[in-house]
PDB file of all heavy atoms in Angstrom:
ATOM      1  N   GLY A   1     -17.110  -3.725  -1.347  1.00  0.00           N
ATOM      2  CA  GLY A   1     -17.822  -2.525  -1.680  1.00  0.00           C
ATOM      3  C   GLY A   1     -17.171  -1.297  -0.997  1.00  0.00           C
ATOM      4  O   GLY A   1     -16.304  -1.412  -0.177  1.00  0.00           O
ATOM      5  N   MET A   2     -17.613  -0.111  -1.358  1.00  0.00           N
ATOM      6  CA  MET A   2     -17.072   1.107  -0.893  1.00  0.00           C
ATOM      7  C   MET A   2     -15.612   1.108  -1.243  1.00  0.00           C
ATOM      8  O   MET A   2     -14.739   1.363  -0.500  1.00  0.00           O
ATOM      9  CB  MET A   2     -17.278   1.357   0.596  1.00  0.00           C
ATOM     10  CG  MET A   2     -17.184   2.801   1.048  1.00  0.00           C
ATOM     11  SD  MET A   2     -17.585   3.098   2.746  1.00  0.00           S
ATOM     12  CE  MET A   2     -19.341   3.315   2.642  1.00  0.00           C
ATOM     13  N   ILE A   3     -15.302   0.846  -2.493  1.00  0.00           N
ATOM     14  CA  ILE A   3     -13.975   0.707  -3.024  1.00  0.00           C
ATOM     15  C   ILE A   3     -13.775   1.728  -4.179  1.00  0.00           C
ATOM     16  O   ILE A   3     -14.491   1.685  -5.155  1.00  0.00           O
ATOM     17  CB  ILE A   3     -13.707  -0.682  -3.605  1.00  0.00           C
ATOM     18  CG1 ILE A   3     -14.000  -1.824  -2.611  1.00  0.00           C
ATOM     19  CG2 ILE A   3     -12.308  -0.816  -4.158  1.00  0.00           C
ATOM     20  CD1 ILE A   3     -13.087  -1.825  -1.397  1.00  0.00           C
ATOM     21  N   HIS A   4     -12.858   2.556  -4.014  1.00  0.00           N
ATOM     22  CA  HIS A   4     -12.552   3.616  -5.032  1.00  0.00           C
ATOM     23  C   HIS A   4     -11.073   3.947  -4.976  1.00  0.00           C
ATOM     24  O   HIS A   4     -10.491   4.017  -3.903  1.00  0.00           O
ATOM     25  CB  HIS A   4     -13.407   4.857  -4.850  1.00  0.00           C
ATOM     26  CG  HIS A   4     -13.278   5.849  -5.911  1.00  0.00           C
ATOM     27  ND1 HIS A   4     -13.525   5.529  -7.244  1.00  0.00           N
ATOM     28  CD2 HIS A   4     -12.845   7.132  -5.907  1.00  0.00           C
ATOM     29  CE1 HIS A   4     -13.324   6.641  -7.999  1.00  0.00           C
ATOM     30  NE2 HIS A   4     -12.883   7.566  -7.225  1.00  0.00           N
ATOM     31  N   PRO A   5     -10.427   4.230  -6.096  1.00  0.00           N
ATOM     32  CA  PRO A   5      -8.956   4.466  -6.099  1.00  0.00           C
ATOM     33  C   PRO A   5      -8.627   5.771  -5.533  1.00  0.00           C
ATOM     34  O   PRO A   5      -8.209   6.745  -6.257  1.00  0.00           O
ATOM     35  CB  PRO A   5      -8.585   4.392  -7.599  1.00  0.00           C
ATOM     36  CG  PRO A   5      -9.899   4.803  -8.300  1.00  0.00           C
ATOM     37  CD  PRO A   5     -10.973   4.254  -7.474  1.00  0.00           C
ATOM     38  N   ASN A   6      -8.558   5.881  -4.243  1.00  0.00           N
ATOM     39  CA  ASN A   6      -8.213   7.080  -3.498  1.00  0.00           C
ATOM     40  C   ASN A   6      -7.692   6.616  -2.159  1.00  0.00           C
ATOM     41  O   ASN A   6      -8.484   6.640  -1.212  1.00  0.00           O
ATOM     42  CB  ASN A   6      -9.389   8.001  -3.404  1.00  0.00           C
ATOM     43  CG  ASN A   6      -8.986   9.427  -3.097  1.00  0.00           C
ATOM     44  OD1 ASN A   6      -7.814   9.738  -2.962  1.00  0.00           O
ATOM     45  ND2 ASN A   6      -9.946  10.300  -2.845  1.00  0.00           N
ATOM     46  N   MET A   7      -6.492   6.201  -2.029  1.00  0.00           N
ATOM     47  CA  MET A   7      -5.964   5.459  -0.916  1.00  0.00           C
ATOM     48  C   MET A   7      -6.467   5.955   0.393  1.00  0.00           C
ATOM     49  O   MET A   7      -6.352   7.081   0.671  1.00  0.00           O
ATOM     50  CB  MET A   7      -4.417   5.514  -0.964  1.00  0.00           C
ATOM     51  CG  MET A   7      -3.753   4.560   0.035  1.00  0.00           C
ATOM     52  SD  MET A   7      -3.897   2.871  -0.481  1.00  0.00           S
ATOM     53  CE  MET A   7      -5.190   2.139   0.425  1.00  0.00           C
ATOM     54  N   ALA A   8      -6.822   5.111   1.265  1.00  0.00           N
ATOM     55  CA  ALA A   8      -6.879   3.642   1.020  1.00  0.00           C
ATOM     56  C   ALA A   8      -8.278   3.250   0.689  1.00  0.00           C
ATOM     57  O   ALA A   8      -9.277   3.993   0.976  1.00  0.00           O
ATOM     58  CB  ALA A   8      -6.383   2.904   2.248  1.00  0.00           C
ATOM     59  N   THR A   9      -8.496   2.118   0.136  1.00  0.00           N
ATOM     60  CA  THR A   9      -9.758   1.702  -0.379  1.00  0.00           C
ATOM     61  C   THR A   9     -10.297   0.389   0.250  1.00  0.00           C
ATOM     62  O   THR A   9     -11.200  -0.175  -0.286  1.00  0.00           O
ATOM     63  CB  THR A   9      -9.669   1.566  -1.906  1.00  0.00           C
ATOM     64  OG1 THR A   9      -8.647   0.656  -2.226  1.00  0.00           O
ATOM     65  CG2 THR A   9      -9.505   2.881  -2.499  1.00  0.00           C
ATOM     66  N   MET A  10      -9.648  -0.115   1.280  1.00  0.00           N
ATOM     67  CA  MET A  10     -10.037  -1.337   1.876  1.00  0.00           C
ATOM     68  C   MET A  10      -9.061  -1.548   3.045  1.00  0.00           C
ATOM     69  O   MET A  10      -8.321  -0.695   3.387  1.00  0.00           O
ATOM     70  CB  MET A  10      -9.894  -2.454   0.835  1.00  0.00           C
ATOM     71  CG  MET A  10      -8.551  -2.868   0.384  1.00  0.00           C
ATOM     72  SD  MET A  10      -7.657  -1.731  -0.635  1.00  0.00           S
ATOM     73  CE  MET A  10      -6.232  -1.559   0.381  1.00  0.00           C
ATOM     74  N   LEU A  11      -9.060  -2.800   3.606  1.00  0.00           N
ATOM     75  CA  LEU A  11      -8.045  -3.157   4.623  1.00  0.00           C
ATOM     76  C   LEU A  11      -7.070  -4.137   4.015  1.00  0.00           C
ATOM     77  O   LEU A  11      -7.538  -5.153   3.388  1.00  0.00           O
ATOM     78  CB  LEU A  11      -8.662  -3.740   5.859  1.00  0.00           C
ATOM     79  CG  LEU A  11      -9.563  -2.854   6.713  1.00  0.00           C
ATOM     80  CD1 LEU A  11     -10.220  -3.627   7.896  1.00  0.00           C
ATOM     81  CD2 LEU A  11      -8.767  -1.665   7.213  1.00  0.00           C
ATOM     82  N   ALA A  12      -5.780  -3.962   4.118  1.00  0.00           N
ATOM     83  CA  ALA A  12      -4.813  -4.900   3.652  1.00  0.00           C
ATOM     84  C   ALA A  12      -3.713  -4.956   4.697  1.00  0.00           C
ATOM     85  O   ALA A  12      -3.283  -3.906   5.232  1.00  0.00           O
ATOM     86  CB  ALA A  12      -4.270  -4.523   2.308  1.00  0.00           C
ATOM     87  N   PHE A  13      -3.235  -6.158   4.943  1.00  0.00           N
ATOM     88  CA  PHE A  13      -2.207  -6.397   5.893  1.00  0.00           C
ATOM     89  C   PHE A  13      -1.095  -7.207   5.240  1.00  0.00           C
ATOM     90  O   PHE A  13      -1.373  -8.280   4.620  1.00  0.00           O
ATOM     91  CB  PHE A  13      -2.723  -7.139   7.099  1.00  0.00           C
ATOM     92  CG  PHE A  13      -3.916  -6.463   7.739  1.00  0.00           C
ATOM     93  CD1 PHE A  13      -5.173  -6.902   7.396  1.00  0.00           C
ATOM     94  CD2 PHE A  13      -3.796  -5.431   8.620  1.00  0.00           C
ATOM     95  CE1 PHE A  13      -6.294  -6.251   7.897  1.00  0.00           C
ATOM     96  CE2 PHE A  13      -4.880  -4.810   9.210  1.00  0.00           C
ATOM     97  CZ  PHE A  13      -6.165  -5.194   8.853  1.00  0.00           C
ATOM     98  N   ILE A  14       0.104  -6.729   5.267  1.00  0.00           N
ATOM     99  CA  ILE A  14       1.214  -7.303   4.535  1.00  0.00           C
ATOM    100  C   ILE A  14       2.340  -7.509   5.552  1.00  0.00           C
ATOM    101  O   ILE A  14       2.692  -6.643   6.310  1.00  0.00           O
ATOM    102  CB  ILE A  14       1.718  -6.453   3.344  1.00  0.00           C
ATOM    103  CG1 ILE A  14       0.592  -6.253   2.359  1.00  0.00           C
ATOM    104  CG2 ILE A  14       2.905  -7.036   2.662  1.00  0.00           C
ATOM    105  CD1 ILE A  14       0.784  -5.155   1.382  1.00  0.00           C
ATOM    106  N   THR A  15       2.886  -8.687   5.552  1.00  0.00           N
ATOM    107  CA  THR A  15       3.987  -9.067   6.474  1.00  0.00           C
ATOM    108  C   THR A  15       5.210  -9.561   5.683  1.00  0.00           C
ATOM    109  O   THR A  15       5.077 -10.144   4.594  1.00  0.00           O
ATOM    110  CB  THR A  15       3.551 -10.119   7.470  1.00  0.00           C
ATOM    111  OG1 THR A  15       3.233 -11.345   6.735  1.00  0.00           O
ATOM    112  CG2 THR A  15       2.390  -9.727   8.306  1.00  0.00           C
ATOM    113  N   THR A  16       6.418  -9.302   6.207  1.00  0.00           N
ATOM    114  CA  THR A  16       7.584  -9.778   5.591  1.00  0.00           C
ATOM    115  C   THR A  16       8.617 -10.011   6.697  1.00  0.00           C
ATOM    116  O   THR A  16       8.656  -9.259   7.699  1.00  0.00           O
ATOM    117  CB  THR A  16       8.127  -8.847   4.518  1.00  0.00           C
ATOM    118  OG1 THR A  16       9.366  -9.375   4.009  1.00  0.00           O
ATOM    119  CG2 THR A  16       8.425  -7.415   5.083  1.00  0.00           C
ATOM    120  N   ASP A  17       9.505 -11.038   6.500  1.00  0.00           N
ATOM    121  CA  ASP A  17      10.569 -11.213   7.427  1.00  0.00           C
ATOM    122  C   ASP A  17      11.868 -10.512   6.993  1.00  0.00           C
ATOM    123  O   ASP A  17      12.906 -10.744   7.552  1.00  0.00           O
ATOM    124  CB  ASP A  17      10.812 -12.727   7.621  1.00  0.00           C
ATOM    125  CG  ASP A  17      10.866 -13.502   6.343  1.00  0.00           C
ATOM    126  OD1 ASP A  17      11.121 -12.881   5.232  1.00  0.00           O
ATOM    127  OD2 ASP A  17      10.534 -14.697   6.377  1.00  0.00           O
ATOM    128  N   ALA A  18      11.746  -9.624   5.971  1.00  0.00           N
ATOM    129  CA  ALA A  18      12.849  -8.866   5.489  1.00  0.00           C
ATOM    130  C   ALA A  18      13.201  -7.784   6.568  1.00  0.00           C
ATOM    131  O   ALA A  18      12.372  -7.420   7.373  1.00  0.00           O
ATOM    132  CB  ALA A  18      12.470  -8.152   4.181  1.00  0.00           C
ATOM    133  N   CYS A  19      14.416  -7.374   6.514  1.00  0.00           N
ATOM    134  CA  CYS A  19      14.944  -6.257   7.367  1.00  0.00           C
ATOM    135  C   CYS A  19      14.905  -5.008   6.551  1.00  0.00           C
ATOM    136  O   CYS A  19      15.707  -4.899   5.604  1.00  0.00           O
ATOM    137  CB  CYS A  19      16.301  -6.627   7.956  1.00  0.00           C
ATOM    138  SG  CYS A  19      16.974  -5.278   9.001  1.00  0.00           S
ATOM    139  N   VAL A  20      13.988  -4.090   6.843  1.00  0.00           N
ATOM    140  CA  VAL A  20      13.877  -2.873   6.014  1.00  0.00           C
ATOM    141  C   VAL A  20      13.785  -1.647   6.994  1.00  0.00           C
ATOM    142  O   VAL A  20      13.000  -1.683   7.889  1.00  0.00           O
ATOM    143  CB  VAL A  20      12.572  -2.900   5.169  1.00  0.00           C
ATOM    144  CG1 VAL A  20      12.592  -1.736   4.150  1.00  0.00           C
ATOM    145  CG2 VAL A  20      12.424  -4.237   4.474  1.00  0.00           C
ATOM    146  N   GLU A  21      14.595  -0.706   6.716  1.00  0.00           N
ATOM    147  CA  GLU A  21      14.572   0.538   7.623  1.00  0.00           C
ATOM    148  C   GLU A  21      13.237   1.227   7.332  1.00  0.00           C
ATOM    149  O   GLU A  21      12.765   1.393   6.182  1.00  0.00           O
ATOM    150  CB  GLU A  21      15.760   1.430   7.240  1.00  0.00           C
ATOM    151  CG  GLU A  21      17.091   0.801   7.585  1.00  0.00           C
ATOM    152  CD  GLU A  21      18.205   1.731   7.373  1.00  0.00           C
ATOM    153  OE1 GLU A  21      17.977   2.969   7.162  1.00  0.00           O
ATOM    154  OE2 GLU A  21      19.341   1.307   7.469  1.00  0.00           O
ATOM    155  N   GLN A  22      12.563   1.594   8.393  1.00  0.00           N
ATOM    156  CA  GLN A  22      11.194   2.139   8.340  1.00  0.00           C
ATOM    157  C   GLN A  22      10.925   3.243   7.364  1.00  0.00           C
ATOM    158  O   GLN A  22       9.984   3.190   6.561  1.00  0.00           O
ATOM    159  CB  GLN A  22      10.664   2.507   9.722  1.00  0.00           C
ATOM    160  CG  GLN A  22       9.198   2.637   9.865  1.00  0.00           C
ATOM    161  CD  GLN A  22       8.662   4.074   9.449  1.00  0.00           C
ATOM    162  OE1 GLN A  22       9.469   4.989   9.369  1.00  0.00           O
ATOM    163  NE2 GLN A  22       7.401   4.157   9.206  1.00  0.00           N
ATOM    164  N   PRO A  23      11.765   4.322   7.258  1.00  0.00           N
ATOM    165  CA  PRO A  23      11.456   5.320   6.345  1.00  0.00           C
ATOM    166  C   PRO A  23      11.433   4.820   4.905  1.00  0.00           C
ATOM    167  O   PRO A  23      10.631   5.300   4.105  1.00  0.00           O
ATOM    168  CB  PRO A  23      12.634   6.325   6.524  1.00  0.00           C
ATOM    169  CG  PRO A  23      13.074   6.084   7.966  1.00  0.00           C
ATOM    170  CD  PRO A  23      12.911   4.612   8.123  1.00  0.00           C
ATOM    171  N   PHE A  24      12.268   3.884   4.572  1.00  0.00           N
ATOM    172  CA  PHE A  24      12.289   3.387   3.249  1.00  0.00           C
ATOM    173  C   PHE A  24      11.159   2.355   2.961  1.00  0.00           C
ATOM    174  O   PHE A  24      10.644   2.276   1.865  1.00  0.00           O
ATOM    175  CB  PHE A  24      13.624   2.690   2.984  1.00  0.00           C
ATOM    176  CG  PHE A  24      14.845   3.627   3.140  1.00  0.00           C
ATOM    177  CD1 PHE A  24      15.756   3.341   4.138  1.00  0.00           C
ATOM    178  CD2 PHE A  24      14.943   4.775   2.426  1.00  0.00           C
ATOM    179  CE1 PHE A  24      16.828   4.224   4.292  1.00  0.00           C
ATOM    180  CE2 PHE A  24      16.002   5.643   2.574  1.00  0.00           C
ATOM    181  CZ  PHE A  24      16.919   5.344   3.568  1.00  0.00           C
ATOM    182  N   LEU A  25      10.726   1.687   4.060  1.00  0.00           N
ATOM    183  CA  LEU A  25       9.539   0.837   3.914  1.00  0.00           C
ATOM    184  C   LEU A  25       8.306   1.687   3.569  1.00  0.00           C
ATOM    185  O   LEU A  25       7.513   1.310   2.756  1.00  0.00           O
ATOM    186  CB  LEU A  25       9.320   0.057   5.218  1.00  0.00           C
ATOM    187  CG  LEU A  25       8.201  -0.948   5.223  1.00  0.00           C
ATOM    188  CD1 LEU A  25       8.452  -2.081   4.291  1.00  0.00           C
ATOM    189  CD2 LEU A  25       8.027  -1.500   6.676  1.00  0.00           C
ATOM    190  N   LEU A  26       8.177   2.828   4.246  1.00  0.00           N
ATOM    191  CA  LEU A  26       7.072   3.691   3.988  1.00  0.00           C
ATOM    192  C   LEU A  26       7.105   4.292   2.601  1.00  0.00           C
ATOM    193  O   LEU A  26       6.161   4.355   1.890  1.00  0.00           O
ATOM    194  CB  LEU A  26       7.000   4.854   4.987  1.00  0.00           C
ATOM    195  CG  LEU A  26       5.952   5.913   4.832  1.00  0.00           C
ATOM    196  CD1 LEU A  26       4.551   5.238   4.890  1.00  0.00           C
ATOM    197  CD2 LEU A  26       6.040   6.956   5.983  1.00  0.00           C
ATOM    198  N   GLU A  27       8.297   4.666   2.183  1.00  0.00           N
ATOM    199  CA  GLU A  27       8.523   5.174   0.822  1.00  0.00           C
ATOM    200  C   GLU A  27       8.110   4.114  -0.254  1.00  0.00           C
ATOM    201  O   GLU A  27       7.407   4.469  -1.238  1.00  0.00           O
ATOM    202  CB  GLU A  27      10.018   5.558   0.677  1.00  0.00           C
ATOM    203  CG  GLU A  27      10.407   6.052  -0.759  1.00  0.00           C
ATOM    204  CD  GLU A  27      11.895   6.263  -0.777  1.00  0.00           C
ATOM    205  OE1 GLU A  27      12.467   7.015  -0.001  1.00  0.00           O
ATOM    206  OE2 GLU A  27      12.558   5.662  -1.714  1.00  0.00           O
ATOM    207  N   ALA A  28       8.568   2.922  -0.015  1.00  0.00           N
ATOM    208  CA  ALA A  28       8.200   1.852  -0.980  1.00  0.00           C
ATOM    209  C   ALA A  28       6.710   1.585  -1.010  1.00  0.00           C
ATOM    210  O   ALA A  28       6.098   1.440  -2.040  1.00  0.00           O
ATOM    211  CB  ALA A  28       8.944   0.554  -0.591  1.00  0.00           C
ATOM    212  N   LEU A  29       6.084   1.547   0.214  1.00  0.00           N
ATOM    213  CA  LEU A  29       4.627   1.281   0.277  1.00  0.00           C
ATOM    214  C   LEU A  29       3.836   2.422  -0.425  1.00  0.00           C
ATOM    215  O   LEU A  29       2.876   2.109  -1.232  1.00  0.00           O
ATOM    216  CB  LEU A  29       4.175   1.271   1.758  1.00  0.00           C
ATOM    217  CG  LEU A  29       2.670   1.103   1.895  1.00  0.00           C
ATOM    218  CD1 LEU A  29       2.157  -0.204   1.332  1.00  0.00           C
ATOM    219  CD2 LEU A  29       2.254   1.154   3.451  1.00  0.00           C
ATOM    220  N   ARG A  30       4.208   3.639  -0.258  1.00  0.00           N
ATOM    221  CA  ARG A  30       3.482   4.761  -0.936  1.00  0.00           C
ATOM    222  C   ARG A  30       3.633   4.608  -2.451  1.00  0.00           C
ATOM    223  O   ARG A  30       2.637   4.789  -3.210  1.00  0.00           O
ATOM    224  CB  ARG A  30       4.048   6.049  -0.462  1.00  0.00           C
ATOM    225  CG  ARG A  30       3.629   6.463   0.963  1.00  0.00           C
ATOM    226  CD  ARG A  30       4.253   7.743   1.467  1.00  0.00           C
ATOM    227  NE  ARG A  30       3.658   8.143   2.735  1.00  0.00           N
ATOM    228  CZ  ARG A  30       4.320   9.103   3.493  1.00  0.00           C
ATOM    229  NH1 ARG A  30       5.450   9.632   3.138  1.00  0.00           N
ATOM    230  NH2 ARG A  30       3.705   9.491   4.644  1.00  0.00           N
ATOM    231  N   GLU A  31       4.819   4.295  -2.941  1.00  0.00           N
ATOM    232  CA  GLU A  31       5.036   4.168  -4.380  1.00  0.00           C
ATOM    233  C   GLU A  31       4.184   2.999  -4.958  1.00  0.00           C
ATOM    234  O   GLU A  31       3.535   3.115  -5.952  1.00  0.00           O
ATOM    235  CB  GLU A  31       6.552   3.950  -4.649  1.00  0.00           C
ATOM    236  CG  GLU A  31       6.856   3.862  -6.134  1.00  0.00           C
ATOM    237  CD  GLU A  31       8.332   3.629  -6.403  1.00  0.00           C
ATOM    238  OE1 GLU A  31       9.134   4.109  -5.547  1.00  0.00           O
ATOM    239  OE2 GLU A  31       8.648   3.031  -7.389  1.00  0.00           O
ATOM    240  N   VAL A  32       4.275   1.898  -4.270  1.00  0.00           N
ATOM    241  CA  VAL A  32       3.541   0.698  -4.703  1.00  0.00           C
ATOM    242  C   VAL A  32       2.042   0.883  -4.698  1.00  0.00           C
ATOM    243  O   VAL A  32       1.291   0.458  -5.518  1.00  0.00           O
ATOM    244  CB  VAL A  32       4.006  -0.527  -3.852  1.00  0.00           C
ATOM    245  CG1 VAL A  32       3.048  -1.682  -4.076  1.00  0.00           C
ATOM    246  CG2 VAL A  32       5.428  -0.950  -4.278  1.00  0.00           C
ATOM    247  N   THR A  33       1.522   1.558  -3.637  1.00  0.00           N
ATOM    248  CA  THR A  33       0.148   1.824  -3.409  1.00  0.00           C
ATOM    249  C   THR A  33      -0.450   2.579  -4.657  1.00  0.00           C
ATOM    250  O   THR A  33      -1.505   2.267  -5.156  1.00  0.00           O
ATOM    251  CB  THR A  33      -0.113   2.616  -2.156  1.00  0.00           C
ATOM    252  OG1 THR A  33       0.223   1.756  -1.037  1.00  0.00           O
ATOM    253  CG2 THR A  33      -1.578   3.074  -2.063  1.00  0.00           C
ATOM    254  N   ASP A  34       0.347   3.598  -5.167  1.00  0.00           N
ATOM    255  CA  ASP A  34      -0.178   4.382  -6.299  1.00  0.00           C
ATOM    256  C   ASP A  34      -0.288   3.467  -7.521  1.00  0.00           C
ATOM    257  O   ASP A  34      -1.120   3.780  -8.392  1.00  0.00           O
ATOM    258  CB  ASP A  34       0.850   5.514  -6.566  1.00  0.00           C
ATOM    259  CG  ASP A  34       0.627   6.703  -5.702  1.00  0.00           C
ATOM    260  OD1 ASP A  34      -0.464   6.758  -5.025  1.00  0.00           O
ATOM    261  OD2 ASP A  34       1.530   7.505  -5.478  1.00  0.00           O
ATOM    262  N   GLN A  35       0.465   2.413  -7.609  1.00  0.00           N
ATOM    263  CA  GLN A  35       0.429   1.545  -8.832  1.00  0.00           C
ATOM    264  C   GLN A  35      -0.628   0.422  -8.688  1.00  0.00           C
ATOM    265  O   GLN A  35      -0.869  -0.223  -9.664  1.00  0.00           O
ATOM    266  CB  GLN A  35       1.806   0.980  -9.058  1.00  0.00           C
ATOM    267  CG  GLN A  35       2.906   1.969  -9.233  1.00  0.00           C
ATOM    268  CD  GLN A  35       4.310   1.313  -9.166  1.00  0.00           C
ATOM    269  OE1 GLN A  35       4.450   0.150  -8.821  1.00  0.00           O
ATOM    270  NE2 GLN A  35       5.307   2.104  -9.383  1.00  0.00           N
ATOM    271  N   THR A  36      -1.048   0.211  -7.479  1.00  0.00           N
ATOM    272  CA  THR A  36      -1.861  -1.000  -7.258  1.00  0.00           C
ATOM    273  C   THR A  36      -3.214  -0.655  -6.542  1.00  0.00           C
ATOM    274  O   THR A  36      -4.222  -0.516  -7.238  1.00  0.00           O
ATOM    275  CB  THR A  36      -1.108  -2.045  -6.397  1.00  0.00           C
ATOM    276  OG1 THR A  36      -0.695  -1.403  -5.166  1.00  0.00           O
ATOM    277  CG2 THR A  36       0.158  -2.446  -7.130  1.00  0.00           C
ATOM    278  N   PHE A  37      -3.222  -0.509  -5.288  1.00  0.00           N
ATOM    279  CA  PHE A  37      -4.502  -0.266  -4.553  1.00  0.00           C
ATOM    280  C   PHE A  37      -5.166   1.006  -5.027  1.00  0.00           C
ATOM    281  O   PHE A  37      -6.409   1.107  -4.989  1.00  0.00           O
ATOM    282  CB  PHE A  37      -4.257  -0.231  -3.067  1.00  0.00           C
ATOM    283  CG  PHE A  37      -3.821  -1.514  -2.439  1.00  0.00           C
ATOM    284  CD1 PHE A  37      -2.631  -1.666  -1.755  1.00  0.00           C
ATOM    285  CD2 PHE A  37      -4.653  -2.673  -2.635  1.00  0.00           C
ATOM    286  CE1 PHE A  37      -2.200  -2.847  -1.266  1.00  0.00           C
ATOM    287  CE2 PHE A  37      -4.228  -3.864  -2.055  1.00  0.00           C
ATOM    288  CZ  PHE A  37      -3.017  -3.982  -1.403  1.00  0.00           C
ATOM    289  N   ASN A  38      -4.457   2.027  -5.462  1.00  0.00           N
ATOM    290  CA  ASN A  38      -5.012   3.247  -5.907  1.00  0.00           C
ATOM    291  C   ASN A  38      -5.582   3.127  -7.344  1.00  0.00           C
ATOM    292  O   ASN A  38      -6.088   4.114  -7.878  1.00  0.00           O
ATOM    293  CB  ASN A  38      -4.031   4.432  -5.845  1.00  0.00           C
ATOM    294  CG  ASN A  38      -3.978   5.037  -4.451  1.00  0.00           C
ATOM    295  OD1 ASN A  38      -4.801   4.653  -3.614  1.00  0.00           O
ATOM    296  ND2 ASN A  38      -3.046   5.897  -4.206  1.00  0.00           N
ATOM    297  N   MET A  39      -5.358   1.957  -7.959  1.00  0.00           N
ATOM    298  CA  MET A  39      -5.816   1.758  -9.303  1.00  0.00           C
ATOM    299  C   MET A  39      -7.010   0.770  -9.400  1.00  0.00           C
ATOM    300  O   MET A  39      -7.244   0.220 -10.482  1.00  0.00           O
ATOM    301  CB  MET A  39      -4.654   1.289 -10.178  1.00  0.00           C
ATOM    302  CG  MET A  39      -3.478   2.272 -10.281  1.00  0.00           C
ATOM    303  SD  MET A  39      -3.943   3.776 -11.075  1.00  0.00           S
ATOM    304  CE  MET A  39      -4.269   3.320 -12.720  1.00  0.00           C
ATOM    305  N   ILE A  40      -7.705   0.626  -8.295  1.00  0.00           N
ATOM    306  CA  ILE A  40      -8.903  -0.205  -8.347  1.00  0.00           C
ATOM    307  C   ILE A  40     -10.118   0.593  -7.991  1.00  0.00           C
ATOM    308  O   ILE A  40     -10.054   1.602  -7.297  1.00  0.00           O
ATOM    309  CB  ILE A  40      -8.810  -1.432  -7.473  1.00  0.00           C
ATOM    310  CG1 ILE A  40      -8.669  -0.997  -5.946  1.00  0.00           C
ATOM    311  CG2 ILE A  40      -7.707  -2.322  -7.845  1.00  0.00           C
ATOM    312  CD1 ILE A  40      -8.703  -2.194  -4.969  1.00  0.00           C
ATOM    313  N   THR A  41     -11.310   0.205  -8.474  1.00  0.00           N
ATOM    314  CA  THR A  41     -12.568   0.766  -8.088  1.00  0.00           C
ATOM    315  C   THR A  41     -13.643  -0.273  -8.231  1.00  0.00           C
ATOM    316  O   THR A  41     -13.606  -1.094  -9.152  1.00  0.00           O
ATOM    317  CB  THR A  41     -12.910   2.029  -8.888  1.00  0.00           C
ATOM    318  OG1 THR A  41     -14.041   2.632  -8.282  1.00  0.00           O
ATOM    319  CG2 THR A  41     -13.178   1.796 -10.313  1.00  0.00           C
TER     320      THR A  41
END
């Protein structure tokens, strides 16, 4: 409940053993968020 497409809309924790430079990790997360978590209500 209390879920609406206006990031963020819940708690989510994602882990990976990939090696990703932090600025690009943030860039990817923001892009993906707009397509996924921001599209639920």
